[in-house]
């Protein structure tokens, strides 16, 4: 079977997706440009953001169940062999509360992904990742922290783009102060 010469190989597609484009190519600002487009982009998450949320929410529920089960099974006994109280013992009801909270956060993630609410999805993912991370299950927590941060950064950038578009239609770029309006609290000096 002959390979189609127009179709890129798997390594070429991966390289194109991961490696940054050459700086010699003109930079095209992707995304919404007009005020209405920016407001629409802020109101609803795009398809990629929704897909990530819809995939990670059930995964979060499963991870929460696995972590809760592991914590309950590996909890030391309440009493030591000599009859003294074991200070490392934790009441299993605390682990069950954590399981309920992690499942509730997974449901919040699913709902926010379903209704395309970017900011709330990012907050729920970051909280879920931090809760798993604080229980020393770092491998499970870090991806959710990173995904939550990705959502929050995207929401922040769109808000900044909206602020610039409302201020003057793109006259000030990132890192440059806009002209803005004069301060209403300013009192000019009197001519005495």
Protein backbone atom coordinates (compact mmCIF):
# COMPACT_ATOMS: atom_id res chain seq x y z
CA UNK A 1 0.00 0.00 0.00
CA UNK A 2 1.55 3.29 -1.11
CA UNK A 3 1.63 6.32 1.15
CA UNK A 4 -0.21 9.43 0.02
CA UNK A 5 2.52 12.06 -0.66
CA UNK A 6 0.19 14.94 0.26
CA UNK A 7 -0.61 13.53 3.71
CA UNK A 8 2.00 14.43 6.36
CA UNK A 9 3.50 11.67 8.46
CA UNK A 10 2.70 11.25 12.13
CA UNK A 11 6.01 12.81 13.19
CA UNK A 12 5.45 15.81 10.89
CA UNK A 13 1.97 16.37 12.32
CA UNK A 14 3.29 16.08 15.88
CA UNK A 15 6.13 18.50 15.13
CA UNK A 16 3.74 20.98 13.55
CA UNK A 17 1.43 20.77 16.57
CA UNK A 18 4.13 21.09 19.25
CA UNK A 19 7.00 23.12 17.83
CA UNK A 20 6.61 26.88 17.61
CA UNK A 21 6.40 28.40 14.15
CA UNK A 22 9.41 30.27 12.75
CA UNK A 23 9.68 33.88 13.80
CA UNK A 24 10.21 34.83 10.14
CA UNK A 25 6.58 34.07 9.35
CA UNK A 26 4.19 36.94 9.96
CA UNK A 27 2.44 36.54 13.30
CA UNK A 28 -1.29 36.22 12.91
CA UNK A 29 -3.33 37.12 15.96
CA UNK A 30 -5.86 34.34 16.15
CA UNK A 31 -9.06 34.64 18.02
CA UNK A 32 -11.78 37.22 18.27
CA UNK A 33 -11.07 40.73 17.00
CA UNK A 34 -14.19 42.84 17.31
CA UNK A 35 -15.84 43.83 20.58
CA UNK A 36 -18.83 41.56 19.91
CA UNK A 37 -16.59 38.59 19.06
CA UNK A 38 -14.54 39.08 22.23
CA UNK A 39 -17.67 39.28 24.38
CA UNK A 40 -19.03 36.12 22.75
CA UNK A 41 -15.70 34.34 23.35
CA UNK A 42 -15.76 35.36 27.03
CA UNK A 43 -19.34 34.16 27.47
CA UNK A 44 -18.73 30.64 26.12
CA UNK A 45 -15.76 28.27 26.03
CA UNK A 46 -14.73 27.03 22.61
CA UNK A 47 -14.92 23.41 21.45
CA UNK A 48 -11.38 22.47 22.52
CA UNK A 49 -11.92 23.81 26.04
CA UNK A 50 -15.24 22.03 26.30
CA UNK A 51 -13.75 18.75 25.11
CA UNK A 52 -10.93 18.91 27.66
CA UNK A 53 -13.46 19.54 30.42
CA UNK A 54 -15.78 16.75 29.28
CA UNK A 55 -12.88 14.28 29.20
CA UNK A 56 -11.28 15.30 32.48
CA UNK A 57 -14.48 15.42 34.57
CA UNK A 58 -15.24 11.66 34.48
CA UNK A 59 -11.53 11.02 34.89
CA UNK A 60 -11.61 13.19 38.02
CA UNK A 61 -14.52 11.19 39.43
CA UNK A 62 -12.65 7.93 38.88
CA UNK A 63 -9.45 9.29 40.39
CA UNK A 64 -11.39 10.55 43.41
CA UNK A 65 -12.84 7.08 43.97
CA UNK A 66 -9.42 5.43 43.59
CA UNK A 67 -7.74 7.88 45.97
CA UNK A 68 -10.51 7.55 48.57
CA UNK A 69 -10.33 3.75 48.41
CA UNK A 70 -6.56 3.80 48.70
CA UNK A 71 -6.63 6.13 51.70
CA UNK A 72 -9.22 4.01 53.51
CA UNK A 73 -7.41 0.73 52.79
CA UNK A 74 -4.00 2.04 53.85
CA UNK A 75 -5.16 3.83 57.01
CA UNK A 76 -3.27 2.51 60.07
CA UNK A 77 -5.17 0.93 62.96
CA UNK A 78 -6.57 3.13 65.70
CA UNK A 79 -4.60 1.39 68.45
CA UNK A 80 -1.01 0.23 68.50
CA UNK A 81 0.01 -3.28 69.65
CA UNK A 82 0.66 -2.03 73.20
CA UNK A 83 -2.83 -0.45 73.42
CA UNK A 84 -1.71 3.16 72.93
CA UNK A 85 -3.56 5.46 70.56
CA UNK A 86 -2.00 5.58 67.08
CA UNK A 87 -1.48 9.23 66.15
CA UNK A 88 -1.29 8.40 62.43
CA UNK A 89 -4.82 6.98 62.38
CA UNK A 90 -7.47 9.07 60.61
CA UNK A 91 -11.18 8.46 60.98
CA UNK A 92 -12.44 6.85 57.74
CA UNK A 93 -15.41 9.22 57.67
CA UNK A 94 -12.95 12.01 56.87
CA UNK A 95 -11.82 10.09 53.80
CA UNK A 96 -15.44 9.53 52.80
CA UNK A 97 -16.08 13.28 53.07
CA UNK A 98 -13.10 13.88 50.81
CA UNK A 99 -14.50 11.34 48.34
CA UNK A 100 -17.83 13.16 48.33
CA UNK A 101 -16.16 16.52 47.79
CA UNK A 102 -13.99 15.20 44.98
CA UNK A 103 -17.03 13.65 43.32
CA UNK A 104 -18.95 16.93 43.72
CA UNK A 105 -16.05 18.85 42.12
CA UNK A 106 -16.05 16.34 39.25
CA UNK A 107 -19.77 16.98 38.75
CA UNK A 108 -19.15 20.75 38.82
CA UNK A 109 -16.44 20.28 36.18
CA UNK A 110 -18.82 18.25 34.04
CA UNK A 111 -21.60 20.83 34.36
CA UNK A 112 -19.35 23.78 33.63
CA UNK A 113 -17.85 22.00 30.61
CA UNK A 114 -21.34 21.11 29.39
CA UNK A 115 -22.55 24.71 29.68
CA UNK A 116 -19.21 26.09 28.39
CA UNK A 117 -18.33 28.21 31.44
CA UNK A 118 -14.56 28.63 31.15
CA UNK A 119 -13.78 30.52 34.35
CA UNK A 120 -15.77 28.28 36.69
CA UNK A 121 -14.41 25.17 35.00
CA UNK A 122 -10.87 26.43 35.59
CA UNK A 123 -11.60 27.16 39.25
CA UNK A 124 -13.15 23.72 39.80
CA UNK A 125 -10.24 21.95 38.09
CA UNK A 126 -7.65 23.89 40.05
CA UNK A 127 -9.43 23.19 43.36
CA UNK A 128 -9.72 19.50 42.51
CA UNK A 129 -6.05 19.31 41.54
CA UNK A 130 -4.99 21.07 44.75
CA UNK A 131 -7.08 18.73 46.89
CA UNK A 132 -5.56 15.63 45.28
CA UNK A 133 -2.09 17.20 45.35
CA UNK A 134 -2.35 17.95 49.10
CA UNK A 135 -3.02 14.28 49.79
CA UNK A 136 0.39 13.50 48.22
CA UNK A 137 -1.06 12.01 45.03
CA UNK A 138 1.02 14.42 42.94
CA UNK A 139 0.74 12.51 39.67
CA UNK A 140 -3.03 12.82 39.77
CA UNK A 141 -3.16 16.41 41.01
CA UNK A 142 -0.67 18.16 38.74
CA UNK A 143 -2.59 17.64 35.43
CA UNK A 144 -5.74 19.15 36.95
CA UNK A 145 -3.80 22.11 38.36
CA UNK A 146 -2.23 22.73 34.95
CA UNK A 147 -5.55 22.40 33.11
CA UNK A 148 -7.24 24.72 35.60
CA UNK A 149 -4.44 27.25 35.20
CA UNK A 150 -4.80 26.99 31.41
CA UNK A 151 -8.51 27.85 31.64
CA UNK A 152 -7.89 30.71 34.05
CA UNK A 153 -5.12 32.21 31.89
CA UNK A 154 -7.32 32.02 28.80
CA UNK A 155 -10.16 33.73 30.66
CA UNK A 156 -7.77 36.43 31.92
CA UNK A 157 -6.34 37.09 28.45
CA UNK A 158 -9.79 37.44 26.93
CA UNK A 159 -10.77 39.89 29.69
CA UNK A 160 -7.65 41.94 29.01
CA UNK A 161 -8.37 41.89 25.28
CA UNK A 162 -11.90 43.14 26.01
CA UNK A 163 -10.54 45.91 28.22
CA UNK A 164 -8.18 47.06 25.47
CA UNK A 165 -10.94 46.88 22.85
CA UNK A 166 -13.30 48.97 25.00
CA UNK A 167 -10.61 51.51 25.89
CA UNK A 168 -9.56 52.51 22.44
CA UNK A 169 -9.99 49.84 19.83
CA UNK A 170 -6.55 48.26 20.10
CA UNK A 171 -4.32 51.35 20.30
CA UNK A 172 -2.44 50.06 23.32
CA UNK A 173 -0.83 46.65 23.19
CA UNK A 174 0.25 44.29 25.91
CA UNK A 175 2.62 45.91 28.36
CA UNK A 176 1.90 49.44 27.14
CA UNK A 177 -0.26 51.71 29.24
CA UNK A 178 -3.42 52.95 27.55
CA UNK A 179 -4.37 56.59 27.38
CA UNK A 180 -7.52 56.15 29.43
CA UNK A 181 -9.65 58.94 30.85
CA UNK A 182 -8.41 61.64 33.19
CA UNK A 183 -8.87 61.14 36.91
CA UNK A 184 -12.12 62.69 38.15
CA UNK A 185 -10.62 63.32 41.58
CA UNK A 186 -7.90 65.60 40.27
CA UNK A 187 -8.12 69.18 41.49
CA UNK A 188 -6.06 71.59 39.40
CA UNK A 189 -3.94 74.12 41.24
CA UNK A 190 -5.51 77.50 41.77
CA UNK A 191 -3.97 80.60 40.20
CA UNK A 192 -3.24 82.59 43.41
